[in-house]
Amino acid sequence: MIGLAVSFLVATSPVPVMDVLQVYGRLAGPECFGKTVPAAAGASCQLTAARIRETIGDVSSEAGFEARLAALPFRWPLKPYGTAASPSNVKTVAINKNAETAVYMRELEQRRLYNKNDPTGPLPTSLRPALDAQLSREPVSPEASKLAFRALRGAPTLDWFSFLERIGAEQVVWPRY
């Protein structure tokens, strides 16, 4: 049975991590290990079954899922503070660290929102709402949408790491720095 599930997910070509972030950042809500991310932070944290029902509804097709996903705003996810089911995860909101920091910083620099050579510039975390707004206007990758649709069937509450695990590491293309 596990082999069937894995082969079902592997049917799609690997997608860039930014595309996967685009999907998760649109789906995940402010719920964060028993706390709530403040709206001003411009971040998301966990993806619950209730959140999926609230934002996506009862979608039975990949095309319907992709269409609803495209209409959702993007919020960069926070990196869980700790390992799976760790008591330290409750500190995630207070730590306020972006998931995939290197990807986040590269996006800020490529979009000219941040200059690492300017010590008087804004802090990268303060630029999260501006980056979120730009990413919200961009289309969602159909391949990443398909991966997420398949991975979310019957899924429990997921943080960024468990979402990646559920999609499968072999399905994500990581940048080389």
Protein backbone atom coordinates (compact mmCIF):
# COMPACT_ATOMS: atom_id res chain seq x y z
CA MET A 1 0.00 0.00 0.00
CA ILE A 2 2.82 2.43 0.81
CA GLY A 3 4.46 1.70 -2.52
CA LEU A 4 1.25 2.65 -4.32
CA ALA A 5 1.04 5.95 -2.44
CA VAL A 6 4.66 6.80 -3.22
CA SER A 7 4.33 5.91 -6.91
CA PHE A 8 1.14 7.98 -7.05
CA LEU A 9 2.99 11.05 -5.78
CA VAL A 10 6.09 10.48 -7.92
CA ALA A 11 4.01 10.64 -11.11
CA THR A 12 4.64 14.42 -11.34
CA SER A 13 7.99 15.95 -12.34
CA PRO A 14 10.06 17.54 -9.56
CA VAL A 15 9.29 21.21 -8.94
CA PRO A 16 11.44 24.07 -7.59
CA VAL A 17 11.19 24.66 -3.85
CA MET A 18 9.85 28.17 -4.51
CA ASP A 19 6.82 26.64 -6.25
CA VAL A 20 6.20 24.38 -3.25
CA LEU A 21 6.55 27.38 -0.93
CA GLN A 22 3.99 29.22 -3.09
CA VAL A 23 1.44 26.46 -2.49
CA TYR A 24 2.11 25.99 1.22
CA GLY A 25 2.20 29.74 1.87
CA ARG A 26 -1.25 30.11 0.33
CA LEU A 27 -2.78 27.21 2.23
CA ALA A 28 -1.22 27.48 5.68
CA GLY A 29 -2.88 29.64 8.28
CA PRO A 30 -1.79 31.63 11.30
CA GLU A 31 -2.29 28.68 13.67
CA CYS A 32 1.12 27.87 15.06
CA PHE A 33 1.57 25.07 17.59
CA GLY A 34 -1.15 26.41 19.89
CA LYS A 35 -0.38 30.08 19.25
CA THR A 36 -1.38 32.48 16.49
CA VAL A 37 0.94 34.40 14.21
CA PRO A 38 0.06 38.12 14.36
CA ALA A 39 -1.43 39.40 11.10
CA ALA A 40 1.19 42.16 10.94
CA ALA A 41 3.96 39.54 10.76
CA GLY A 42 2.78 38.51 7.29
CA ALA A 43 3.61 34.88 7.96
CA SER A 44 1.86 31.53 7.93
CA CYS A 45 2.67 28.52 10.06
CA GLN A 46 0.56 25.35 10.03
CA LEU A 47 -1.85 23.70 7.65
CA THR A 48 -4.82 22.07 9.35
CA ALA A 49 -7.69 20.07 7.90
CA ALA A 50 -10.05 22.83 9.10
CA ARG A 51 -7.95 25.43 7.29
CA ILE A 52 -8.08 23.41 4.05
CA ARG A 53 -11.90 23.13 4.32
CA GLU A 54 -12.14 26.87 5.05
CA THR A 55 -9.91 28.03 2.18
CA ILE A 56 -10.30 25.37 -0.48
CA GLY A 57 -13.60 23.73 0.43
CA ASP A 58 -14.57 20.31 -0.81
CA VAL A 59 -12.67 20.25 -4.08
CA SER A 60 -12.57 16.90 -5.82
CA SER A 61 -10.44 17.76 -8.86
CA GLU A 62 -6.88 18.99 -9.33
CA ALA A 63 -8.13 21.78 -11.61
CA GLY A 64 -10.61 23.00 -9.00
CA PHE A 65 -7.93 22.89 -6.32
CA GLU A 66 -5.53 24.88 -8.48
CA ALA A 67 -8.17 27.52 -9.28
CA ARG A 68 -9.06 28.07 -5.62
CA LEU A 69 -5.41 28.02 -4.61
CA ALA A 70 -4.58 30.78 -7.10
CA ALA A 71 -7.14 33.08 -5.47
CA LEU A 72 -5.59 32.78 -1.99
CA PRO A 73 -3.07 35.32 -0.65
CA PHE A 74 0.48 34.15 -0.02
CA ARG A 75 2.14 34.36 3.43
CA TRP A 76 5.74 33.14 3.79
CA PRO A 77 5.76 30.18 6.19
CA LEU A 78 7.68 30.16 9.44
CA LYS A 79 10.33 27.57 10.16
CA PRO A 80 9.22 25.32 13.02
CA TYR A 81 11.43 25.85 16.06
CA GLY A 82 12.36 22.29 16.94
CA THR A 83 11.86 18.83 15.57
CA ALA A 84 8.59 17.02 14.89
CA ALA A 85 6.27 17.04 17.92
CA SER A 86 8.90 18.88 19.96
CA PRO A 87 7.71 20.95 22.94
CA SER A 88 9.93 23.78 21.67
CA ASN A 89 7.69 24.21 18.59
CA VAL A 90 5.51 26.58 20.63
CA LYS A 91 8.37 29.10 20.34
CA THR A 92 7.98 29.28 16.56
CA VAL A 93 5.90 32.48 16.67
CA ALA A 94 8.31 34.23 19.04
CA ILE A 95 11.40 33.19 17.04
CA ASN A 96 9.72 34.41 13.80
CA LYS A 97 12.23 32.76 11.46
CA ASN A 98 11.36 32.21 7.82
CA ALA A 99 11.29 28.71 6.42
CA GLU A 100 14.00 28.21 3.80
CA THR A 101 15.88 31.35 4.78
CA ALA A 102 18.34 31.14 1.87
CA VAL A 103 15.46 30.97 -0.63
CA TYR A 104 13.74 33.88 1.16
CA MET A 105 16.88 36.03 1.05
CA ARG A 106 17.48 35.20 -2.61
CA GLU A 107 13.90 36.22 -3.46
CA LEU A 108 14.32 39.53 -1.60
CA GLU A 109 17.57 40.28 -3.42
CA GLN A 110 16.33 39.23 -6.88
CA ARG A 111 13.27 41.43 -6.47
CA ARG A 112 15.45 44.31 -5.26
CA LEU A 113 13.62 44.55 -1.96
CA TYR A 114 16.81 43.99 0.03
CA ASN A 115 20.47 44.83 -0.48
CA LYS A 116 22.80 42.75 1.68
CA ASN A 117 25.55 45.35 1.18
CA ASP A 118 23.50 48.14 2.75
CA PRO A 119 23.85 47.95 6.56
CA THR A 120 21.30 50.75 7.04
CA GLY A 121 18.58 48.97 5.05
CA PRO A 122 15.51 47.32 6.54
CA LEU A 123 15.63 44.00 8.36
CA PRO A 124 14.72 41.10 6.07
CA THR A 125 11.79 40.00 8.27
CA SER A 126 10.25 43.46 7.96
CA LEU A 127 10.13 42.96 4.18
CA ARG A 128 7.97 39.84 4.44
CA PRO A 129 4.66 41.68 3.73
CA ALA A 130 6.10 43.32 0.59
CA LEU A 131 7.42 39.98 -0.71
CA ASP A 132 4.13 38.30 0.19
CA ALA A 133 2.21 40.88 -1.88
CA GLN A 134 4.41 40.27 -4.92
CA LEU A 135 4.15 36.49 -4.63
CA SER A 136 0.36 36.69 -4.16
CA ARG A 137 0.09 38.28 -7.61
CA GLU A 138 2.12 35.51 -9.28
CA PRO A 139 0.53 32.35 -10.66
CA VAL A 140 0.80 29.03 -8.88
CA SER A 141 2.77 26.31 -10.63
CA PRO A 142 0.34 23.65 -11.94
CA GLU A 143 2.90 20.94 -11.14
CA ALA A 144 3.28 22.09 -7.51
CA SER A 145 -0.50 22.36 -7.21
CA LYS A 146 -0.90 18.77 -8.41
CA LEU A 147 1.71 17.54 -5.94
CA ALA A 148 -0.02 19.32 -3.08
CA PHE A 149 -3.48 18.14 -4.09
CA ARG A 150 -2.33 14.54 -4.04
CA ALA A 151 -0.29 14.90 -0.84
CA LEU A 152 -3.07 16.58 1.14
CA ARG A 153 -5.64 13.82 0.82
CA GLY A 154 -6.30 12.64 4.36
CA ALA A 155 -3.40 14.70 5.71
CA PRO A 156 -3.11 15.57 9.41
CA THR A 157 -2.01 19.01 10.62
CA LEU A 158 1.19 19.87 8.75
CA ASP A 159 4.00 22.32 9.39
CA TRP A 160 6.44 23.26 6.61
CA PHE A 161 8.73 20.28 7.24
CA SER A 162 5.95 17.69 7.43
CA PHE A 163 4.40 19.16 4.25
CA LEU A 164 7.72 18.67 2.44
CA GLU A 165 7.97 15.15 3.83
CA ARG A 166 4.48 14.33 2.65
CA ILE A 167 5.22 15.64 -0.88
CA GLY A 168 8.51 13.75 -0.96
CA ALA A 169 12.04 15.15 -1.03
CA GLU A 170 12.63 13.65 -4.47
CA GLN A 171 9.81 15.82 -5.82
CA VAL A 172 11.51 19.12 -4.86
CA VAL A 173 14.36 20.78 -6.74
CA TRP A 174 16.59 22.80 -4.41
CA PRO A 175 18.73 25.74 -5.53
CA ARG A 176 22.49 25.36 -5.54
CA TYR A 177 24.37 28.16 -3.82
